[in-house]
């Protein structure tokens, strides 16, 4: 026998269908939840409390909500009794009041009218996803304003907060997910081929990540070479800068970056976090010798592999068994490598990577003694150039 709470759950499960019916004028009520499949009760004594509870929360007692259709059933001990044969919601008011959704449904109808009037082509989308109208209730006027502006003006080439639409400055940032669904329908001229970020896809400017450089040769610091010994510039500028040096050393850790030794004709680039993935835009790196010193872990070897995908001349430093053996006591526990990407590693690098993965270990580059690191860096970069 269904309890009032179970009835509530079943009614809630039909809520999306109910909302959809409001947009199509489909007849939705009466809505039956029991139907003819209700089983007969064998033991009236055990069912009596459940029947009482069912009646006490029904429209008969509460004035609104579900109605119970009763049927007669005869029991040997208790004689003829009224048993629930069906539970139904007779009207929209009964249903929405029972779920506590009266105001929400009125707002839904208003929003649907607003949307379908402003943009008839979005009507089918709204019918398909009525809960999304509910999710963004109260914001549809502003969403329509944003879509209308972009529909008229195309790709805006400004920051999200600069769009000249009367919404709060963070509105578009908060609503990126729903706008990403609406704009391809309502403002297709804004949609670009690159969907890596919301800004790129729809023609907004975005905050540029900073790429940090450091001269390891003081002779590189000159107005026509490197403007400062240590500086960071936006990625767009980093993609066109030209530093007349023969070598670039890429490291993961900032403190390591700051303590790198002097090496002739070499500058360093900080590849912390996911910065290495951005270097593919710096095509000028193809013309220099690239050396990469990363952590001995999955992230470090993935960074090395990604660099080699774009710059095959990349050479690893201290990502070898010798270094691992010397500083193995400083390793930490690591999670198993889960990616199925095929990494571009040498046979020796791959053997070390598999060893680390099987042992569940990692060795951070900052755990390696500076005198050893300086020796290996100079030996790897300068003598061979």
Protein backbone atom coordinates (compact mmCIF):
# COMPACT_ATOMS: atom_id res chain seq x y z
CA UNK A 1 0.00 0.00 0.00
CA UNK A 2 1.33 3.43 -0.92
CA UNK A 3 2.02 5.85 1.88
CA UNK A 4 1.51 9.62 1.46
CA UNK A 5 5.29 9.99 1.10
CA UNK A 6 5.41 7.39 -1.65
CA UNK A 7 2.55 9.19 -3.37
CA UNK A 8 4.57 12.40 -3.14
CA UNK A 9 7.55 10.72 -4.82
CA UNK A 10 5.40 9.28 -7.60
CA UNK A 11 3.75 12.64 -8.15
CA UNK A 12 7.16 14.36 -8.28
CA UNK A 13 8.31 11.85 -10.89
CA UNK A 14 5.55 13.11 -13.19
CA UNK A 15 6.38 16.78 -12.65
CA UNK A 16 8.44 17.23 -15.81
CA UNK A 17 5.69 15.62 -17.88
CA UNK A 18 3.17 17.95 -16.25
CA UNK A 19 5.24 21.03 -17.09
CA UNK A 20 5.59 19.84 -20.66
CA UNK A 21 1.81 19.39 -20.89
CA UNK A 22 1.36 23.08 -20.03
CA UNK A 23 3.29 24.01 -23.17
CA UNK A 24 1.35 21.69 -25.47
CA UNK A 25 -2.15 22.02 -24.00
CA UNK A 26 -2.16 18.27 -23.45
CA UNK A 27 -4.86 16.99 -21.06
CA UNK A 28 -2.98 15.80 -17.99
CA UNK A 29 -5.68 15.42 -15.33
CA UNK A 30 -7.05 13.37 -13.76
CA UNK A 31 -3.63 11.85 -12.98
CA UNK A 32 -3.89 8.33 -11.58
CA UNK A 33 -1.09 6.91 -9.46
CA UNK A 34 -2.53 3.58 -8.33
CA UNK A 35 -4.59 2.48 -11.26
CA UNK A 36 -6.28 -0.86 -11.51
CA UNK A 37 -3.15 -2.74 -10.57
CA UNK A 38 -3.55 -2.27 -6.82
CA UNK A 39 -3.37 -5.62 -5.09
CA UNK A 40 -6.06 -6.84 -2.75
CA UNK A 41 -5.28 -6.67 0.96
CA UNK A 42 -5.21 -10.08 2.66
CA UNK A 43 -4.87 -8.88 6.26
CA UNK A 44 -7.02 -5.88 7.11
CA UNK A 45 -5.61 -5.57 10.64
CA UNK A 46 -2.09 -4.99 9.28
CA UNK A 47 -3.31 -2.57 6.63
CA UNK A 48 -5.64 -0.55 8.88
CA UNK A 49 -3.04 2.00 10.08
CA UNK A 50 -1.75 2.55 6.54
CA UNK A 51 -5.31 3.07 5.31
CA UNK A 52 -5.97 5.58 8.09
CA UNK A 53 -2.82 7.51 7.23
CA UNK A 54 -3.70 7.49 3.54
CA UNK A 55 -7.16 8.90 4.29
CA UNK A 56 -5.91 11.53 6.76
CA UNK A 57 -3.63 13.14 4.14
CA UNK A 58 -6.12 12.97 1.29
CA UNK A 59 -8.14 15.75 -0.30
CA UNK A 60 -11.19 14.47 1.61
CA UNK A 61 -9.54 15.62 4.86
CA UNK A 62 -7.06 18.29 3.71
CA UNK A 63 -9.29 20.02 1.16
CA UNK A 64 -6.70 19.64 -1.63
CA UNK A 65 -4.24 17.03 -2.81
CA UNK A 66 -4.76 13.46 -3.87
CA UNK A 67 -8.17 11.83 -3.91
CA UNK A 68 -8.77 8.24 -2.93
CA UNK A 69 -11.30 6.13 -4.80
CA UNK A 70 -12.62 3.50 -2.40
CA UNK A 71 -13.87 0.04 -3.09
CA UNK A 72 -15.61 -2.50 -0.91
CA UNK A 73 -13.73 -5.58 0.23
CA UNK A 74 -15.09 -8.25 2.56
CA UNK A 75 -12.95 -9.86 5.26
CA UNK A 76 -13.99 -12.96 7.23
CA UNK A 77 -13.23 -11.38 10.59
CA UNK A 78 -13.93 -7.69 9.92
CA UNK A 79 -16.71 -7.89 7.40
CA UNK A 80 -17.09 -5.39 4.63
CA UNK A 81 -14.53 -2.56 4.67
CA UNK A 82 -13.65 0.38 2.45
CA UNK A 83 -10.28 -0.18 0.77
CA UNK A 84 -8.33 2.19 -1.50
CA UNK A 85 -8.77 1.19 -5.12
CA UNK A 86 -7.11 4.17 -6.78
CA UNK A 87 -5.24 7.35 -5.88
CA UNK A 88 -5.46 10.29 -8.26
CA UNK A 89 -5.07 14.02 -8.63
CA UNK A 90 -8.27 15.39 -10.08
CA UNK A 91 -7.07 18.90 -10.93
CA UNK A 92 -3.94 20.95 -11.50
CA UNK A 93 -4.58 22.81 -8.24
CA UNK A 94 -4.70 19.55 -6.29
CA UNK A 95 -1.44 18.40 -7.85
CA UNK A 96 0.60 21.61 -7.57
CA UNK A 97 -0.61 22.37 -4.06
CA UNK A 98 0.26 18.86 -2.89
CA UNK A 99 3.82 19.28 -4.25
CA UNK A 100 4.11 22.87 -3.04
CA UNK A 101 4.73 24.04 -6.61
CA UNK A 102 1.88 26.51 -7.25
CA UNK A 103 4.05 29.64 -7.48
CA UNK A 104 6.81 27.81 -9.35
CA UNK A 105 4.37 26.59 -11.99
CA UNK A 106 2.94 30.09 -12.50
CA UNK A 107 6.48 31.44 -13.03
CA UNK A 108 7.18 28.59 -15.44
CA UNK A 109 4.17 29.54 -17.57
CA UNK A 110 5.23 33.18 -17.56
CA UNK A 111 8.80 32.28 -18.55
CA UNK A 112 7.63 29.96 -21.31
CA UNK A 113 5.42 32.68 -22.74
CA UNK A 114 8.27 35.19 -22.51
CA UNK A 115 10.74 32.86 -24.23
CA UNK A 116 8.45 31.61 -26.99
CA UNK A 117 7.28 35.14 -27.77
CA UNK A 118 10.79 36.58 -27.95
CA UNK A 119 12.29 33.66 -29.86
CA UNK A 120 9.74 31.25 -31.38
CA UNK A 121 12.58 29.02 -32.59
CA UNK A 122 13.45 28.18 -28.99
CA UNK A 123 9.97 26.85 -28.21
CA UNK A 124 10.78 23.21 -28.96
CA UNK A 125 13.92 23.40 -26.84
CA UNK A 126 11.89 24.81 -23.94
CA UNK A 127 9.34 22.02 -24.28
CA UNK A 128 12.05 19.41 -24.31
CA UNK A 129 13.78 20.78 -21.20
CA UNK A 130 11.10 22.33 -18.97
CA UNK A 131 13.15 21.82 -15.82
CA UNK A 132 15.81 24.14 -17.24
CA UNK A 133 13.21 26.89 -17.36
CA UNK A 134 12.55 26.20 -13.70
CA UNK A 135 16.28 26.12 -12.87
CA UNK A 136 16.80 29.60 -14.32
CA UNK A 137 13.50 31.09 -13.21
CA UNK A 138 13.79 34.84 -12.71
CA UNK A 139 16.71 35.15 -15.14
CA UNK A 140 14.98 34.66 -18.48
CA UNK A 141 14.49 38.33 -19.27
CA UNK A 142 18.22 38.90 -18.83
CA UNK A 143 19.11 35.74 -20.75
CA UNK A 144 16.93 36.91 -23.62
CA UNK A 145 18.63 40.32 -23.56
CA UNK A 146 22.08 38.74 -23.82
CA UNK A 147 21.01 36.41 -26.63
CA UNK A 148 19.28 39.22 -28.50
CA UNK A 149 22.36 41.43 -28.37
CA UNK A 150 24.67 38.68 -29.61
CA UNK A 151 22.18 37.71 -32.28
CA UNK A 152 22.27 41.25 -33.63
CA UNK A 153 25.98 42.02 -33.20
CA UNK A 154 27.71 38.66 -33.62
CA UNK A 155 31.00 37.76 -31.92
CA UNK A 156 31.58 40.62 -29.46
CA UNK A 157 35.39 40.63 -28.98
CA UNK A 158 35.08 41.99 -25.46
CA UNK A 159 35.31 40.54 -21.97
CA UNK A 160 32.20 38.95 -20.51
CA UNK A 161 31.70 41.84 -18.10
CA UNK A 162 32.00 44.42 -20.89
CA UNK A 163 29.02 43.30 -22.95
CA UNK A 164 26.75 46.40 -23.21
CA UNK A 165 23.63 44.71 -21.90
CA UNK A 166 21.85 45.82 -18.73
CA UNK A 167 22.63 42.78 -16.59
CA UNK A 168 24.85 42.58 -13.54
CA UNK A 169 28.52 42.34 -14.43
CA UNK A 170 28.87 38.71 -13.35
CA UNK A 171 25.64 37.49 -14.94
CA UNK A 172 27.18 35.98 -18.08
CA UNK A 173 29.92 34.29 -16.03
CA UNK A 174 27.28 32.64 -13.85
CA UNK A 175 25.08 31.65 -16.80
CA UNK A 176 27.67 30.23 -19.18
CA UNK A 177 26.23 26.73 -19.09
CA UNK A 178 22.69 27.68 -20.14
CA UNK A 179 23.92 30.32 -22.60
CA UNK A 180 26.09 27.66 -24.23
CA UNK A 181 22.85 25.80 -25.03
CA UNK A 182 20.87 28.82 -26.16
CA UNK A 183 23.36 30.72 -28.31
CA UNK A 184 23.85 28.04 -31.00
CA UNK A 185 20.08 28.19 -31.57
CA UNK A 186 19.50 31.91 -31.14
CA UNK A 187 22.80 33.51 -32.21
CA UNK A 188 24.58 31.01 -34.46
CA UNK A 189 26.79 33.74 -35.94
CA UNK A 190 28.57 33.89 -32.57
CA UNK A 191 29.56 30.24 -32.58
CA UNK A 192 33.17 29.52 -33.51
CA UNK A 193 34.84 26.19 -34.29
CA UNK A 194 36.98 26.16 -31.14
CA UNK A 195 34.92 25.11 -28.11
CA UNK A 196 37.81 24.89 -25.65
CA UNK A 197 36.27 27.61 -23.47
CA UNK A 198 33.02 29.56 -23.45
CA UNK A 199 34.86 32.75 -24.33
CA UNK A 200 36.67 31.27 -27.29
CA UNK A 201 33.58 29.51 -28.63
CA UNK A 202 31.38 32.62 -28.61
CA UNK A 203 33.91 35.31 -29.46
CA UNK A 204 34.63 36.90 -26.10
CA UNK A 205 38.04 37.97 -24.96
CA UNK A 206 39.40 36.00 -22.05
CA UNK A 207 41.96 36.52 -19.36
CA UNK A 208 45.34 35.56 -20.71
CA UNK A 209 47.48 33.14 -18.73
CA UNK A 210 50.92 34.56 -17.97
CA UNK A 211 54.05 32.83 -19.23
CA UNK A 212 57.09 33.46 -17.07
CA UNK A 213 60.63 33.73 -18.44
CA UNK A 214 64.00 33.98 -16.70
CA UNK A 215 67.40 34.63 -18.25
CA UNK A 216 70.07 32.13 -17.20
CA UNK A 217 72.66 34.14 -19.13
CA UNK A 218 73.01 37.81 -18.16
CA UNK A 219 74.06 38.65 -21.72
CA UNK A 220 70.52 37.89 -22.89
CA UNK A 221 69.15 40.87 -20.93
CA UNK A 222 69.09 43.77 -23.36
CA UNK A 223 66.38 45.95 -24.96
CA UNK A 224 66.54 43.96 -28.19
CA UNK A 225 66.69 40.58 -26.44
CA UNK A 226 65.05 39.98 -23.03
CA UNK A 227 63.68 43.18 -21.43
CA UNK A 228 64.17 41.93 -17.88
CA UNK A 229 66.03 39.04 -16.25
CA UNK A 230 62.73 37.66 -14.87
CA UNK A 231 59.36 38.63 -16.34
CA UNK A 232 55.90 37.27 -17.20
CA UNK A 233 53.80 38.22 -20.21
CA UNK A 234 50.35 37.17 -21.53
CA UNK A 235 50.24 34.09 -23.73
CA UNK A 236 49.38 36.09 -26.84
CA UNK A 237 52.59 38.08 -26.42
CA UNK A 238 54.58 35.01 -25.43
CA UNK A 239 53.52 33.40 -28.69
CA UNK A 240 55.25 36.10 -30.74
CA UNK A 241 58.21 37.10 -28.55
CA UNK A 242 61.65 36.32 -29.95
CA UNK A 243 64.52 35.65 -27.56
CA UNK A 244 67.83 35.17 -29.41
CA UNK A 245 69.11 32.27 -27.35
CA UNK A 246 70.03 28.76 -28.37
CA UNK A 247 68.42 26.87 -25.48
CA UNK A 248 65.27 26.92 -23.38
CA UNK A 249 64.93 25.04 -20.11
CA UNK A 250 61.38 24.27 -18.91
CA UNK A 251 60.80 23.35 -15.26
CA UNK A 252 57.67 22.66 -13.22
CA UNK A 253 58.42 24.08 -9.77
CA UNK A 254 58.61 27.83 -9.14
CA UNK A 255 61.31 27.63 -6.47
CA UNK A 256 63.35 25.40 -8.77
CA UNK A 257 62.80 27.99 -11.52
CA UNK A 258 64.18 30.74 -9.26
CA UNK A 259 67.25 28.76 -8.17
CA UNK A 260 68.41 27.56 -11.59
CA UNK A 261 72.14 28.10 -12.18
CA UNK A 262 73.68 30.36 -14.80
CA UNK A 263 73.93 28.59 -18.18
CA UNK A 264 75.23 30.32 -21.32
CA UNK A 265 72.76 31.19 -24.10
CA UNK A 266 69.87 29.72 -22.13
CA UNK A 267 66.65 31.04 -20.70
CA UNK A 268 64.13 29.26 -18.50
CA UNK A 269 60.34 29.02 -18.81
CA UNK A 270 58.07 28.09 -15.90
CA UNK A 271 55.83 25.19 -16.87
CA UNK A 272 53.91 24.94 -13.60
CA UNK A 273 50.43 23.40 -13.54
CA UNK A 274 49.09 22.96 -17.05
CA UNK A 275 51.24 25.69 -18.60
CA UNK A 276 53.08 23.16 -20.78
CA UNK A 277 49.83 22.62 -22.70
CA UNK A 278 49.89 26.30 -23.69
CA UNK A 279 53.37 26.19 -25.17
CA UNK A 280 52.06 24.72 -28.42
CA UNK A 281 51.05 28.26 -29.34
CA UNK A 282 54.66 29.39 -28.99
CA UNK A 283 55.70 28.13 -32.42
CA UNK A 284 59.05 29.91 -32.23
CA UNK A 285 60.19 27.23 -29.77
CA UNK A 286 60.67 25.02 -32.82
CA UNK A 287 63.86 26.95 -33.53
CA UNK A 288 65.62 26.36 -30.20
CA UNK A 289 66.88 23.37 -28.25
CA UNK A 290 64.34 22.47 -25.57
CA UNK A 291 65.23 20.81 -22.30
CA UNK A 292 62.55 19.69 -19.88
CA UNK A 293 63.02 18.92 -16.20
CA UNK A 294 59.80 17.73 -14.64
CA UNK A 295 58.75 15.78 -11.58
CA UNK A 296 59.21 12.05 -11.75
CA UNK A 297 55.48 11.34 -11.78
CA UNK A 298 52.57 10.98 -14.18
CA UNK A 299 52.15 14.74 -14.60
CA UNK A 300 55.85 15.23 -15.32
CA UNK A 301 56.03 12.52 -17.97
CA UNK A 302 52.76 13.69 -19.53
CA UNK A 303 54.28 17.19 -19.78
CA UNK A 304 57.37 15.76 -21.45
CA UNK A 305 55.22 13.78 -23.89
CA UNK A 306 53.06 16.81 -24.72
CA UNK A 307 56.12 18.92 -25.42
CA UNK A 308 57.48 16.28 -27.76
CA UNK A 309 54.17 16.14 -29.61
CA UNK A 310 54.67 19.77 -30.64
CA UNK A 311 58.46 20.03 -30.36
CA UNK A 312 60.11 16.66 -31.10
CA UNK A 313 63.57 18.02 -30.26
CA UNK A 314 62.71 18.14 -26.52
CA UNK A 315 65.27 16.43 -24.28
CA UNK A 316 64.54 15.39 -20.70
CA UNK A 317 66.93 16.11 -17.83
CA UNK A 318 67.07 14.19 -14.54
CA UNK A 319 64.06 12.13 -15.50
CA UNK A 320 66.12 8.94 -15.43
CA UNK A 321 66.90 5.89 -13.30
CA UNK A 322 70.16 7.37 -12.03
CA UNK A 323 68.42 10.38 -10.51
CA UNK A 324 65.61 8.23 -9.16
CA UNK A 325 68.07 5.83 -7.54
CA UNK A 326 70.10 8.60 -5.88
CA UNK A 327 67.10 10.33 -4.36
CA UNK A 328 64.67 7.42 -3.97
CA UNK A 329 64.52 7.96 -0.21
CA UNK A 330 62.72 11.26 -0.86
CA UNK A 331 59.88 9.74 -2.87
CA UNK A 332 56.23 10.05 -1.91
CA UNK A 333 53.18 7.89 -2.47
CA UNK A 334 51.34 8.44 -5.75
CA UNK A 335 47.99 7.37 -7.13
CA UNK A 336 48.06 4.85 -10.00
CA UNK A 337 48.24 6.33 -13.49
CA UNK A 338 44.77 5.98 -14.99
CA UNK A 339 45.06 7.60 -18.43
CA UNK A 340 45.27 5.43 -21.53
CA UNK A 341 47.14 8.03 -23.55
CA UNK A 342 50.19 6.70 -25.30
CA UNK A 343 53.08 8.81 -24.04
CA UNK A 344 55.92 9.86 -26.31
CA UNK A 345 58.79 8.62 -24.17
CA UNK A 346 62.12 6.98 -24.87
CA UNK A 347 62.58 3.36 -23.87
CA UNK A 348 64.51 4.37 -20.73
CA UNK A 349 61.97 7.06 -19.79
CA UNK A 350 59.08 4.68 -20.28
CA UNK A 351 60.79 2.03 -18.13
CA UNK A 352 61.20 4.54 -15.30
CA UNK A 353 57.61 5.73 -15.72
CA UNK A 354 56.29 2.17 -15.51
CA UNK A 355 58.51 1.50 -12.48
CA UNK A 356 57.16 4.55 -10.65
CA UNK A 357 53.61 3.58 -11.53
CA UNK A 358 53.99 -0.01 -10.38
CA UNK A 359 55.64 1.07 -7.12
CA UNK A 360 53.13 3.88 -6.56
CA UNK A 361 55.92 6.43 -6.11
CA UNK A 362 56.75 9.95 -7.24
CA UNK A 363 59.83 12.14 -6.86
CA UNK A 364 59.35 15.91 -6.95
CA UNK A 365 62.10 17.91 -8.60
CA UNK A 366 62.52 20.15 -5.55
CA UNK A 367 63.61 17.05 -3.57
CA UNK A 368 66.76 16.76 -5.69
CA UNK A 369 69.88 18.31 -4.15
CA UNK A 370 70.86 21.61 -5.79
CA UNK A 371 74.57 20.76 -6.34
CA UNK A 372 73.58 17.58 -8.19
CA UNK A 373 70.92 19.44 -10.19
CA UNK A 374 73.31 22.22 -11.19
CA UNK A 375 75.89 19.70 -12.36
CA UNK A 376 73.37 17.75 -14.43
CA UNK A 377 71.84 20.86 -15.98
CA UNK A 378 75.15 22.31 -17.09
CA UNK A 379 76.37 18.94 -18.33
CA UNK A 380 73.18 18.37 -20.33
CA UNK A 381 72.71 21.82 -21.82
CA UNK A 382 75.94 23.72 -22.33
CA UNK A 383 78.66 21.19 -23.23
CA UNK A 384 76.56 19.67 -26.03
CA UNK A 385 75.68 22.94 -27.76
